[in-house]
N, C-alpha and C. Protein backbone atom coordinates (compact mmCIF):
# COMPACT_ATOMS: atom_id res chain seq x y z
N MET A 1 138.67 -33.00 64.49
CA MET A 1 138.25 -33.27 63.94
C MET A 1 137.28 -33.41 64.64
N LYS A 2 137.00 -34.40 65.88
CA LYS A 2 136.00 -34.89 66.43
C LYS A 2 135.91 -33.91 67.30
N LYS A 3 136.21 -32.54 67.80
CA LYS A 3 135.57 -31.89 68.53
C LYS A 3 134.70 -31.13 67.59
N LEU A 4 135.16 -30.87 66.73
CA LEU A 4 134.04 -29.70 65.89
C LEU A 4 133.30 -30.89 65.51
N LEU A 5 132.91 -32.07 65.12
CA LEU A 5 131.90 -33.05 64.66
C LEU A 5 131.09 -32.77 66.26
N MET A 6 131.71 -33.43 67.08
CA MET A 6 130.17 -33.18 68.33
C MET A 6 129.47 -31.96 68.37
N PRO A 7 129.97 -31.20 68.54
CA PRO A 7 129.36 -29.80 68.47
C PRO A 7 128.58 -29.79 67.53
N ALA A 8 128.76 -30.17 66.34
CA ALA A 8 127.73 -30.04 65.00
C ALA A 8 126.71 -31.00 64.99
N LEU A 9 127.11 -31.89 65.65
CA LEU A 9 125.86 -32.89 66.05
C LEU A 9 124.72 -32.45 66.98
N ALA A 10 125.42 -32.10 68.28
CA ALA A 10 124.95 -31.69 68.94
C ALA A 10 123.77 -30.54 68.92
N ILE A 11 123.98 -29.54 68.02
CA ILE A 11 123.40 -28.58 67.35
C ILE A 11 122.54 -29.15 66.72
N PHE A 12 122.83 -30.11 65.21
CA PHE A 12 121.88 -30.60 64.72
C PHE A 12 120.88 -31.31 65.49
N LEU A 13 121.04 -32.07 66.36
CA LEU A 13 120.27 -33.14 67.29
C LEU A 13 119.04 -31.64 68.08
N MET A 14 119.49 -30.92 68.46
CA MET A 14 118.72 -30.04 69.11
C MET A 14 117.73 -29.16 68.50
N VAL A 15 118.43 -29.15 66.97
CA VAL A 15 117.20 -28.10 66.02
C VAL A 15 116.58 -29.42 65.91
N SER A 16 117.02 -30.65 65.25
CA SER A 16 115.75 -31.64 64.75
C SER A 16 114.78 -31.79 66.23
N CYS A 17 115.06 -32.02 67.22
CA CYS A 17 113.88 -31.70 68.24
C CYS A 17 113.24 -30.58 68.26
N GLY A 18 113.74 -29.75 68.15
CA GLY A 18 112.82 -28.22 68.19
C GLY A 18 112.00 -28.42 67.34
N GLU A 19 112.22 -28.82 65.78
CA GLU A 19 110.78 -28.81 64.83
C GLU A 19 110.41 -29.71 64.79
N LYS A 20 110.52 -31.26 65.40
CA LYS A 20 109.99 -32.09 65.62
C LYS A 20 108.90 -31.77 66.64
N SER A 21 109.26 -30.97 68.00
CA SER A 21 108.25 -30.32 68.78
C SER A 21 107.37 -29.19 67.79
N ASN A 22 107.69 -28.32 67.30
CA ASN A 22 107.25 -27.40 66.47
C ASN A 22 106.30 -27.43 65.49
N GLN A 23 106.25 -28.94 65.18
CA GLN A 23 105.59 -29.40 64.11
C GLN A 23 104.28 -30.68 64.74
N GLY A 24 104.65 -30.89 66.29
CA GLY A 24 103.37 -31.19 67.34
C GLY A 24 102.84 -30.32 67.95
N SER A 25 103.17 -28.48 67.97
CA SER A 25 102.47 -27.95 68.51
C SER A 25 101.44 -27.46 67.71
N THR A 26 101.54 -27.33 66.31
CA THR A 26 101.27 -26.44 64.94
C THR A 26 100.02 -27.85 65.09
N GLN A 27 100.44 -29.31 64.59
CA GLN A 27 98.97 -29.77 64.57
C GLN A 27 98.05 -29.40 65.48
N ASN A 28 98.71 -29.41 66.89
CA ASN A 28 97.60 -29.43 68.16
C ASN A 28 96.58 -28.32 68.13
N LEU A 29 97.56 -27.31 67.39
CA LEU A 29 96.73 -25.79 67.06
C LEU A 29 95.69 -26.01 65.95
N THR A 30 96.08 -26.86 65.03
CA THR A 30 95.08 -27.00 64.21
C THR A 30 93.99 -27.70 64.61
N GLU A 31 94.81 -28.88 65.35
CA GLU A 31 93.17 -30.04 65.78
C GLU A 31 92.39 -29.08 66.87
N LYS A 32 92.60 -27.92 67.51
CA LYS A 32 91.66 -27.78 68.95
C LYS A 32 91.10 -26.43 67.79
N THR A 33 91.48 -25.44 66.55
CA THR A 33 91.01 -24.87 66.32
C THR A 33 89.45 -25.34 65.30
N GLU A 34 89.99 -26.54 64.86
CA GLU A 34 88.58 -27.18 64.49
C GLU A 34 87.94 -27.71 65.53
N ILE A 35 88.19 -28.03 66.52
CA ILE A 35 87.26 -28.28 67.42
C ILE A 35 86.66 -27.25 67.89
N MET A 36 87.18 -25.71 67.99
CA MET A 36 86.06 -24.74 68.54
C MET A 36 85.26 -24.51 67.13
N GLN A 37 85.47 -24.47 65.79
CA GLN A 37 84.83 -24.14 64.80
C GLN A 37 83.54 -25.46 64.92
N LYS A 38 83.66 -26.80 64.93
CA LYS A 38 82.85 -27.40 64.86
C LYS A 38 81.57 -26.95 66.47
N GLU A 39 82.83 -26.63 67.48
CA GLU A 39 81.94 -26.14 67.86
C GLU A 39 80.76 -24.50 67.78
N GLU A 40 81.89 -24.03 67.18
CA GLU A 40 80.98 -22.88 66.83
C GLU A 40 79.99 -22.56 65.90
N LYS A 41 80.35 -23.36 64.83
CA LYS A 41 79.16 -24.54 64.10
C LYS A 41 78.24 -24.79 64.33
N GLN A 42 77.91 -25.31 65.59
CA GLN A 42 77.42 -26.01 66.31
C GLN A 42 75.98 -25.16 67.44
N LYS A 43 76.65 -24.11 67.70
CA LYS A 43 75.88 -23.08 68.17
C LYS A 43 75.09 -22.37 67.39
N ILE A 44 75.35 -21.94 66.34
CA ILE A 44 75.10 -21.07 64.83
C ILE A 44 73.76 -22.33 64.73
N GLN A 45 74.25 -23.94 64.37
CA GLN A 45 72.90 -24.54 64.18
C GLN A 45 71.82 -24.59 64.59
N GLU A 46 72.25 -24.14 66.67
CA GLU A 46 71.29 -24.25 67.43
C GLU A 46 70.48 -22.65 67.19
N LEU A 47 71.29 -21.97 67.10
CA LEU A 47 70.61 -20.13 66.92
C LEU A 47 69.43 -20.59 65.60
N LEU A 48 70.01 -21.59 64.82
CA LEU A 48 69.01 -21.53 63.58
C LEU A 48 68.05 -22.25 63.75
N ASN A 49 68.27 -22.81 64.38
CA ASN A 49 66.90 -24.57 65.43
C ASN A 49 65.77 -23.18 65.73
N GLU A 50 66.02 -22.50 66.83
CA GLU A 50 65.52 -21.74 67.35
C GLU A 50 64.59 -20.30 67.04
N TYR A 51 65.49 -20.17 65.36
CA TYR A 51 64.79 -18.71 64.76
C TYR A 51 63.57 -19.70 63.88
N LYS A 52 63.38 -21.31 63.67
CA LYS A 52 62.75 -21.74 62.97
C LYS A 52 61.77 -21.67 64.09
N LYS A 53 61.86 -21.86 64.95
CA LYS A 53 61.08 -22.08 66.14
C LYS A 53 59.94 -20.86 66.02
N SER A 54 60.72 -19.63 66.10
CA SER A 54 60.34 -18.72 65.83
C SER A 54 59.18 -17.92 64.72
N LEU A 55 59.66 -19.13 63.62
CA LEU A 55 59.13 -18.68 62.83
C LEU A 55 57.53 -19.62 62.02
N ASN A 56 57.57 -20.45 62.80
CA ASN A 56 57.25 -21.77 62.72
C ASN A 56 55.71 -21.80 63.91
N THR A 57 56.20 -20.87 65.06
CA THR A 57 54.71 -20.40 66.22
C THR A 57 54.65 -19.17 66.39
N ALA A 58 55.24 -18.43 65.12
CA ALA A 58 54.39 -16.75 64.80
C ALA A 58 54.88 -15.98 65.96
N ASP A 59 56.48 -16.09 66.30
CA ASP A 59 57.16 -15.95 67.78
C ASP A 59 57.74 -14.53 67.80
N ALA A 60 56.94 -13.12 67.41
CA ALA A 60 57.94 -12.26 66.77
C ALA A 60 58.96 -11.73 67.87
N LYS A 61 58.58 -11.76 69.32
CA LYS A 61 59.62 -11.36 70.11
C LYS A 61 60.53 -12.63 70.25
N LEU A 62 60.89 -13.87 70.25
CA LEU A 62 61.19 -14.77 69.92
C LEU A 62 62.72 -14.30 68.80
N ALA A 63 61.87 -14.48 67.87
CA ALA A 63 62.46 -13.64 66.75
C ALA A 63 63.65 -12.48 67.03
N GLN A 64 63.08 -11.37 67.90
CA GLN A 64 63.59 -9.90 68.00
C GLN A 64 65.18 -10.83 69.01
N SER A 65 64.81 -11.27 69.37
CA SER A 65 65.78 -11.62 70.79
C SER A 65 66.88 -12.40 69.97
N LEU A 66 66.72 -12.57 68.63
CA LEU A 66 67.94 -13.78 68.35
C LEU A 66 68.79 -12.93 67.59
N TYR A 67 68.13 -11.92 67.09
CA TYR A 67 69.05 -10.44 66.58
C TYR A 67 69.83 -9.18 67.73
N THR A 68 71.04 -9.21 67.15
CA THR A 68 71.93 -8.22 67.36
C THR A 68 70.83 -6.74 67.71
N LYS A 69 71.41 -6.00 68.82
CA LYS A 69 70.83 -4.67 69.16
C LYS A 69 70.63 -3.98 67.61
N ASP A 70 71.60 -4.18 66.95
CA ASP A 70 71.35 -3.10 65.22
C ASP A 70 71.43 -4.38 64.62
N GLY A 71 70.36 -5.08 64.69
CA GLY A 71 70.72 -5.86 63.67
C GLY A 71 69.39 -5.42 62.40
N VAL A 72 69.42 -6.63 61.16
CA VAL A 72 68.94 -5.84 59.86
C VAL A 72 68.23 -6.71 59.18
N PHE A 73 66.46 -6.98 59.63
CA PHE A 73 65.80 -7.75 58.42
C PHE A 73 65.20 -7.17 57.38
N MET A 74 66.11 -8.20 56.30
CA MET A 74 65.26 -7.78 55.12
C MET A 74 64.64 -8.81 54.13
N PRO A 75 63.40 -8.43 54.88
CA PRO A 75 62.48 -9.34 53.54
C PRO A 75 62.06 -9.34 52.26
N THR A 76 61.51 -10.13 51.55
CA THR A 76 61.59 -9.95 50.18
C THR A 76 60.31 -8.78 49.93
N GLU A 77 60.34 -7.85 49.12
CA GLU A 77 59.03 -7.04 48.88
C GLU A 77 58.75 -6.87 50.43
N ALA A 78 59.57 -5.89 50.87
CA ALA A 78 59.35 -5.36 52.34
C ALA A 78 60.02 -4.47 52.81
N PRO A 79 59.74 -3.36 53.41
CA PRO A 79 61.09 -2.74 53.79
C PRO A 79 61.52 -3.45 55.31
N SER A 80 62.92 -3.08 54.65
CA SER A 80 64.08 -4.00 56.25
C SER A 80 63.54 -3.43 57.37
N GLY A 81 63.86 -4.27 58.45
CA GLY A 81 63.48 -3.81 59.93
C GLY A 81 64.87 -3.51 60.49
N ILE A 82 65.05 -2.45 60.79
CA ILE A 82 66.59 -2.12 61.39
C ILE A 82 66.36 -1.80 63.12
N GLY A 83 67.06 -2.01 63.59
CA GLY A 83 67.35 -2.07 65.22
C GLY A 83 66.30 -2.93 65.69
N SER A 84 66.28 -3.23 66.88
CA SER A 84 65.11 -4.14 68.04
C SER A 84 64.10 -3.83 67.43
N GLU A 85 63.57 -2.32 67.39
CA GLU A 85 62.24 -2.14 67.75
C GLU A 85 61.97 -2.54 65.87
N GLY A 86 62.68 -1.66 65.14
CA GLY A 86 61.99 -2.03 63.28
C GLY A 86 62.04 -3.59 62.93
N ILE A 87 62.86 -4.50 63.92
CA ILE A 87 62.85 -5.86 64.42
C ILE A 87 61.82 -6.42 64.21
N LEU A 88 61.64 -6.26 65.80
CA LEU A 88 59.91 -6.45 65.72
C LEU A 88 58.50 -6.26 65.44
N LYS A 89 58.87 -4.82 64.94
CA LYS A 89 57.26 -4.37 64.46
C LYS A 89 57.59 -5.54 63.03
N SER A 90 58.85 -5.76 62.26
CA SER A 90 59.01 -5.97 60.95
C SER A 90 57.56 -7.88 61.13
N TYR A 91 58.75 -8.00 61.97
CA TYR A 91 58.15 -9.61 62.11
C TYR A 91 56.70 -9.61 63.23
N GLU A 92 56.10 -8.47 63.79
CA GLU A 92 54.81 -8.81 64.14
C GLU A 92 54.08 -8.52 62.78
N PHE A 93 54.46 -7.21 61.79
CA PHE A 93 53.57 -7.59 60.31
C PHE A 93 53.48 -8.66 59.70
N VAL A 94 54.83 -9.09 59.43
CA VAL A 94 54.29 -10.59 58.73
C VAL A 94 53.43 -11.76 59.65
N PHE A 95 53.82 -11.89 60.98
CA PHE A 95 53.18 -12.95 61.40
C PHE A 95 51.61 -12.54 61.18
N SER A 96 51.20 -11.14 61.44
CA SER A 96 49.47 -10.84 61.25
C SER A 96 49.13 -11.51 60.09
N GLN A 97 50.19 -11.57 58.77
CA GLN A 97 49.45 -11.85 57.55
C GLN A 97 49.67 -13.36 57.08
N ILE A 98 50.46 -13.58 57.74
CA ILE A 98 50.69 -15.10 57.72
C ILE A 98 50.90 -16.55 58.41
N GLN A 99 51.14 -17.18 58.18
CA GLN A 99 51.18 -18.27 59.07
C GLN A 99 52.03 -19.54 58.10
N LEU A 100 53.72 -19.81 59.02
CA LEU A 100 54.69 -20.73 58.27
C LEU A 100 54.70 -21.95 58.99
N ASN A 101 55.02 -22.97 58.05
CA ASN A 101 55.11 -24.26 58.34
C ASN A 101 56.02 -24.52 57.27
N ILE A 102 57.46 -23.89 58.19
CA ILE A 102 58.87 -24.14 57.08
C ILE A 102 59.99 -25.56 58.10
N GLU A 103 60.82 -26.02 56.97
CA GLU A 103 62.06 -26.46 57.42
C GLU A 103 63.25 -25.99 57.21
N PHE A 104 64.48 -25.73 57.82
CA PHE A 104 65.69 -25.44 57.30
C PHE A 104 66.41 -25.86 56.88
N PHE A 105 67.08 -25.85 55.58
CA PHE A 105 68.33 -26.62 55.13
C PHE A 105 69.75 -26.24 55.35
N ILE A 106 70.47 -26.79 55.80
CA ILE A 106 71.78 -25.92 56.19
C ILE A 106 72.99 -25.90 55.09
N GLU A 107 73.18 -25.07 54.34
CA GLU A 107 74.31 -25.59 53.22
C GLU A 107 75.77 -25.33 53.53
N GLU A 108 75.88 -24.49 53.89
CA GLU A 108 76.79 -23.53 54.49
C GLU A 108 76.81 -22.93 55.70
N ILE A 109 78.00 -23.34 56.55
CA ILE A 109 78.39 -22.46 57.85
C ILE A 109 79.63 -21.85 57.88
N VAL A 110 79.88 -20.68 57.64
CA VAL A 110 81.78 -20.31 57.80
C VAL A 110 82.15 -19.20 59.26
N VAL A 111 83.19 -19.44 59.91
CA VAL A 111 82.98 -19.02 61.22
C VAL A 111 84.70 -18.50 60.57
N GLU A 112 84.44 -16.92 61.19
CA GLU A 112 85.67 -16.23 60.91
C GLU A 112 85.77 -15.20 62.37
N GLY A 113 86.30 -15.35 63.78
CA GLY A 113 86.55 -15.40 64.50
C GLY A 113 85.41 -14.56 65.58
N ASN A 114 84.59 -13.46 65.36
CA ASN A 114 83.37 -13.05 65.92
C ASN A 114 82.07 -12.97 65.10
N MET A 115 82.22 -13.69 63.89
CA MET A 115 82.10 -13.28 63.08
C MET A 115 81.75 -14.03 61.64
N ALA A 116 80.18 -14.56 61.34
CA ALA A 116 80.35 -15.85 60.85
C ALA A 116 78.70 -15.87 59.55
N PHE A 117 78.66 -16.78 58.62
CA PHE A 117 77.58 -16.30 57.66
C PHE A 117 77.07 -17.92 57.58
N ALA A 118 75.83 -18.39 57.12
CA ALA A 118 75.48 -18.91 56.88
C ALA A 118 74.63 -19.21 55.22
N VAL A 119 74.11 -19.54 54.94
CA VAL A 119 73.69 -20.07 53.46
C VAL A 119 72.95 -21.16 53.88
N THR A 120 71.50 -20.84 53.68
CA THR A 120 70.55 -22.01 53.75
C THR A 120 69.15 -22.12 52.79
N SER A 121 69.04 -22.81 52.68
CA SER A 121 67.47 -23.32 52.38
C SER A 121 66.41 -23.60 52.84
N SER A 122 64.56 -23.50 52.67
CA SER A 122 64.07 -23.54 53.31
C SER A 122 63.09 -24.16 52.38
N LYS A 123 61.52 -24.43 53.01
CA LYS A 123 60.56 -25.37 52.69
C LYS A 123 59.79 -25.78 52.63
N GLY A 124 58.67 -25.29 52.80
CA GLY A 124 57.35 -25.96 53.32
C GLY A 124 55.89 -25.34 53.00
N THR A 125 55.20 -24.40 54.06
CA THR A 125 54.01 -24.15 52.96
C THR A 125 54.18 -22.61 54.07
N VAL A 126 52.68 -22.10 53.32
CA VAL A 126 52.25 -20.62 54.37
C VAL A 126 50.92 -20.48 54.01
N LYS A 127 50.34 -19.81 55.16
CA LYS A 127 49.07 -20.07 55.34
C LYS A 127 48.86 -18.47 55.08
N ILE A 128 47.85 -17.69 54.09
CA ILE A 128 47.90 -16.39 54.39
C ILE A 128 46.48 -16.40 55.27
N LEU A 129 46.80 -15.34 55.99
CA LEU A 129 45.38 -15.35 57.21
C LEU A 129 44.63 -14.69 56.46
N ALA A 130 44.13 -13.99 55.70
CA ALA A 130 43.27 -13.14 55.55
C ALA A 130 42.23 -14.05 54.82
N ASN A 131 42.85 -15.04 54.00
CA ASN A 131 41.96 -15.77 53.11
C ASN A 131 41.84 -17.18 53.57
N GLY A 132 42.81 -17.88 54.05
CA GLY A 132 43.18 -19.30 54.57
C GLY A 132 43.69 -20.08 53.73
N VAL A 133 44.07 -19.35 53.03
CA VAL A 133 44.75 -20.05 51.54
C VAL A 133 46.05 -20.87 51.88
N GLU A 134 46.38 -21.66 51.45
CA GLU A 134 47.33 -22.64 51.87
C GLU A 134 48.04 -22.79 50.85
N ALA A 135 49.83 -22.07 50.79
CA ALA A 135 50.59 -22.02 49.05
C ALA A 135 51.98 -23.05 49.57
N PRO A 136 52.86 -23.43 48.71
CA PRO A 136 54.11 -24.38 49.17
C PRO A 136 54.86 -22.98 49.38
N GLU A 137 55.86 -22.63 49.77
CA GLU A 137 56.65 -21.97 50.15
C GLU A 137 58.11 -22.09 50.85
N ALA A 138 59.42 -21.74 49.16
CA ALA A 138 60.48 -22.00 49.59
C ALA A 138 61.19 -20.83 49.54
N ASN A 139 62.53 -20.74 50.22
CA ASN A 139 63.56 -19.95 49.87
C ASN A 139 64.88 -20.21 50.41
N ARG A 140 65.26 -19.32 49.49
CA ARG A 140 67.06 -19.20 49.93
C ARG A 140 67.42 -18.78 50.99
N GLU A 141 68.17 -18.30 51.54
CA GLU A 141 68.67 -17.23 52.51
C GLU A 141 69.78 -16.89 52.91
N LEU A 142 70.57 -16.12 53.43
CA LEU A 142 71.76 -15.69 53.91
C LEU A 142 71.50 -14.94 55.12
N PHE A 143 72.85 -15.41 56.09
CA PHE A 143 72.34 -15.22 57.63
C PHE A 143 73.93 -14.39 57.71
N VAL A 144 74.41 -13.23 58.29
CA VAL A 144 75.22 -13.00 58.68
C VAL A 144 74.89 -13.00 60.43
N PHE A 145 76.21 -13.13 61.11
CA PHE A 145 76.02 -13.71 62.56
C PHE A 145 77.06 -12.73 63.44
N GLU A 146 77.31 -12.31 64.85
CA GLU A 146 78.06 -11.32 65.35
C GLU A 146 78.16 -12.15 66.84
N LYS A 147 78.98 -12.55 67.43
CA LYS A 147 79.20 -13.06 69.01
C LYS A 147 79.12 -11.82 69.63
N VAL A 148 78.30 -11.77 70.20
CA VAL A 148 77.73 -10.73 71.21
C VAL A 148 77.77 -11.35 72.89
N ASP A 149 78.68 -10.54 73.43
CA ASP A 149 79.17 -11.45 74.92
C ASP A 149 78.90 -13.08 74.70
N GLY A 150 79.85 -13.57 74.19
CA GLY A 150 79.68 -14.77 74.04
C GLY A 150 78.70 -16.03 73.43
N GLN A 151 77.73 -15.04 72.99
CA GLN A 151 76.45 -15.51 72.14
C GLN A 151 76.39 -14.95 70.57
N TRP A 152 76.05 -16.23 69.46
CA TRP A 152 75.81 -15.74 68.56
C TRP A 152 74.42 -15.17 68.24
N LYS A 153 74.25 -13.91 67.32
CA LYS A 153 73.37 -13.14 67.41
C LYS A 153 73.69 -13.22 65.61
N ILE A 154 71.94 -13.43 65.01
CA ILE A 154 71.55 -12.51 63.67
C ILE A 154 71.85 -11.57 63.91
N ALA A 155 72.95 -10.90 63.02
CA ALA A 155 73.04 -9.36 62.48
C ALA A 155 72.87 -9.11 61.45
N ARG A 156 72.43 -9.66 60.26
CA ARG A 156 71.41 -9.21 59.24
C ARG A 156 71.08 -10.50 59.01
N TYR A 157 70.04 -10.64 57.99
CA TYR A 157 69.67 -11.47 57.23
C TYR A 157 68.42 -11.07 56.56
N MET A 158 68.45 -11.67 55.24
CA MET A 158 68.01 -11.85 53.74
C MET A 158 67.83 -12.52 53.14
N PHE A 159 66.56 -12.91 52.67
CA PHE A 159 66.02 -13.81 51.98
C PHE A 159 65.33 -13.79 50.68
N ASN A 160 65.28 -14.53 49.61
CA ASN A 160 64.44 -13.96 48.65
C ASN A 160 63.71 -15.90 48.03
N LYS A 161 62.28 -15.51 47.44
CA LYS A 161 61.51 -16.81 46.81
C LYS A 161 62.39 -18.08 45.60
N THR A 162 62.38 -18.96 46.01
CA THR A 162 62.78 -19.54 45.14
C THR A 162 61.61 -20.46 44.15
N GLU A 163 60.62 -20.31 44.20
CA GLU A 163 59.69 -20.98 43.75
C GLU A 163 58.80 -19.54 43.14
N PRO A 164 58.51 -20.16 41.76
CA PRO A 164 57.16 -18.76 41.43
C PRO A 164 56.22 -18.77 42.42
N LYS A 165 55.45 -17.45 42.57
CA LYS A 165 54.27 -17.12 42.96
C LYS A 165 53.00 -18.02 42.38
N GLY A 166 52.12 -18.90 43.52
CA GLY A 166 51.22 -19.79 42.73
C GLY A 166 49.90 -19.58 42.15
């Protein structure tokens, strides 16, 4: 009986130690994944800050540089800017018409591999350059990001106004 009990006890101990080791590995992997997610979200927040800078400084080239080569900009009540040249032309047109002074509020960022999305809102003012009239500006936005050569870029961007026209 002792001959059977000793090997059974040894097997039980090895299995138990293996399970604890696997639990530790799973916990470490989960912690590493959470840290990586946090780092990726931080990089996307930095990209959104650069985008805000491009809007507030009317820098069409900077805005264009933040998109993927096949990116799509879908402004409210205007044609989409598709691809690098289309995006540049869209922003040049927008910035020839208005001057923005806005702040972004990030509501959600979700990262999944080399793709991510963000839901944001923005609020501030818009100045119509043709007549100098300044008005409140508020929007909600949806960004889709793609990681290209290790850098997050805007793949798709769409917004719509959240306050009635004045």
